[in-house]
Amino acid sequence: MLDGEFAGVVNFEALIIAIAVVAGLVLVSIAVCCCYCCYCRRRSRSRPDEEEEQLARKREERRLQSLQRKHERKLKHDEIRKKYGLLQDSDNPYSRFENE
């Protein structure tokens, strides 16, 4: 009798574990499906054209900022060249060599 009761308890424990594993897998798969559907819905809602326009706008802003920084650097370099007498005149670019 003891062996029969022990086998019933083991089968019952195995059944509980199996049910828990299956329930866990079902819950995880439902969660994954919900997250995937939300992601797909969000992607389809935003049009690709809007993304392209936004990227083009950002690219243009970066280009303008780059040009502005380049202009500021050129002005700063020209001030330094002028301070040390290295700024060339546009009418006579070889005037520095004549003085030597």
Protein backbone atom coordinates (compact mmCIF):
# COMPACT_ATOMS: atom_id res chain seq x y z
CA MET A 1 0.00 0.00 0.00
CA LEU A 2 2.75 2.38 0.79
CA ASP A 3 4.22 2.03 -2.65
CA GLY A 4 0.88 2.80 -4.27
CA GLU A 5 0.33 5.89 -2.15
CA PHE A 6 3.87 7.13 -2.86
CA ALA A 7 3.37 6.72 -6.59
CA GLY A 8 0.11 8.69 -6.41
CA VAL A 9 1.81 11.54 -4.56
CA VAL A 10 4.67 11.67 -7.06
CA ASN A 11 2.25 11.70 -10.00
CA PHE A 12 0.21 14.43 -8.34
CA GLU A 13 3.35 16.54 -7.74
CA ALA A 14 4.46 15.98 -11.33
CA LEU A 15 1.01 16.99 -12.55
CA ILE A 16 1.11 20.22 -10.51
CA ILE A 17 4.60 21.06 -11.85
CA ALA A 18 3.53 20.32 -15.43
CA ILE A 19 0.42 22.49 -15.11
CA ALA A 20 2.52 25.33 -13.64
CA VAL A 21 5.04 25.10 -16.49
CA VAL A 22 2.32 25.11 -19.15
CA ALA A 23 0.53 28.03 -17.48
CA GLY A 24 3.83 29.95 -17.31
CA LEU A 25 4.51 29.33 -20.98
CA VAL A 26 1.01 30.48 -21.91
CA LEU A 27 1.39 33.69 -19.86
CA VAL A 28 4.81 34.43 -21.37
CA SER A 29 3.54 33.83 -24.91
CA ILE A 30 0.54 36.12 -24.31
CA ALA A 31 2.85 38.83 -22.97
CA VAL A 32 5.17 38.50 -25.98
CA CYS A 33 2.23 38.67 -28.40
CA CYS A 34 0.86 41.80 -26.70
CA CYS A 35 4.22 43.55 -26.79
CA TYR A 36 4.74 42.60 -30.45
CA CYS A 37 1.28 43.82 -31.43
CA CYS A 38 1.78 47.14 -29.62
CA TYR A 39 5.12 47.60 -31.36
CA CYS A 40 3.62 46.82 -34.79
CA ARG A 41 0.71 49.17 -34.21
CA ARG A 42 3.05 51.99 -33.20
CA ARG A 43 5.26 51.41 -36.26
CA SER A 44 2.32 51.42 -38.66
CA ARG A 45 0.84 54.55 -37.10
CA SER A 46 3.92 56.70 -37.76
CA ARG A 47 4.31 57.16 -41.48
CA PRO A 48 7.73 56.55 -43.05
CA ASP A 49 7.42 59.92 -44.79
CA GLU A 50 7.31 61.69 -41.43
CA GLU A 51 10.46 59.89 -40.34
CA GLU A 52 12.24 60.78 -43.57
CA GLU A 53 11.19 64.42 -43.26
CA GLN A 54 12.37 64.51 -39.67
CA LEU A 55 15.72 62.96 -40.59
CA ALA A 56 16.14 65.42 -43.48
CA ARG A 57 15.29 68.34 -41.17
CA LYS A 58 17.83 67.19 -38.58
CA ARG A 59 20.45 66.65 -41.28
CA GLU A 60 19.88 70.19 -42.60
CA GLU A 61 20.11 71.64 -39.07
CA ARG A 62 23.41 69.83 -38.49
CA ARG A 63 24.73 71.08 -41.84
CA LEU A 64 23.82 74.68 -41.00
CA GLN A 65 25.38 74.40 -37.56
CA SER A 66 28.51 72.98 -39.14
CA LEU A 67 28.71 75.86 -41.61
CA GLN A 68 28.22 78.36 -38.80
CA ARG A 69 31.00 76.77 -36.72
CA LYS A 70 33.25 76.73 -39.81
CA HIS A 71 32.62 80.43 -40.37
CA GLU A 72 33.33 81.22 -36.70
CA ARG A 73 36.59 79.24 -36.85
CA LYS A 74 37.62 81.10 -40.01
CA LEU A 75 36.97 84.46 -38.33
CA LYS A 76 38.95 83.40 -35.27
CA HIS A 77 41.85 82.18 -37.39
CA ASP A 78 41.82 85.40 -39.41
CA GLU A 79 41.97 87.43 -36.17
CA ILE A 80 44.99 85.41 -35.04
CA ARG A 81 46.68 85.81 -38.43
CA LYS A 82 46.00 89.55 -38.34
CA LYS A 83 47.38 89.80 -34.79
CA TYR A 84 50.66 88.19 -35.81
CA GLY A 85 50.86 89.84 -39.22
CA LEU A 86 50.24 86.68 -41.19
CA LEU A 87 47.03 87.84 -42.88
CA GLN A 88 47.63 88.15 -46.60
CA ASP A 89 46.21 91.05 -48.53
CA SER A 90 43.89 89.96 -51.29
CA ASP A 91 45.41 92.42 -53.81
CA ASN A 92 49.01 91.28 -53.29
CA PRO A 93 49.35 87.80 -51.82
CA TYR A 94 53.18 87.86 -52.11
CA SER A 95 53.74 91.01 -50.04
CA ARG A 96 55.04 88.99 -47.09
CA PHE A 97 57.81 87.52 -49.26
CA GLU A 98 58.87 90.96 -50.54
CA ASN A 99 59.64 92.14 -47.01
CA GLU A 100 62.11 89.31 -46.39
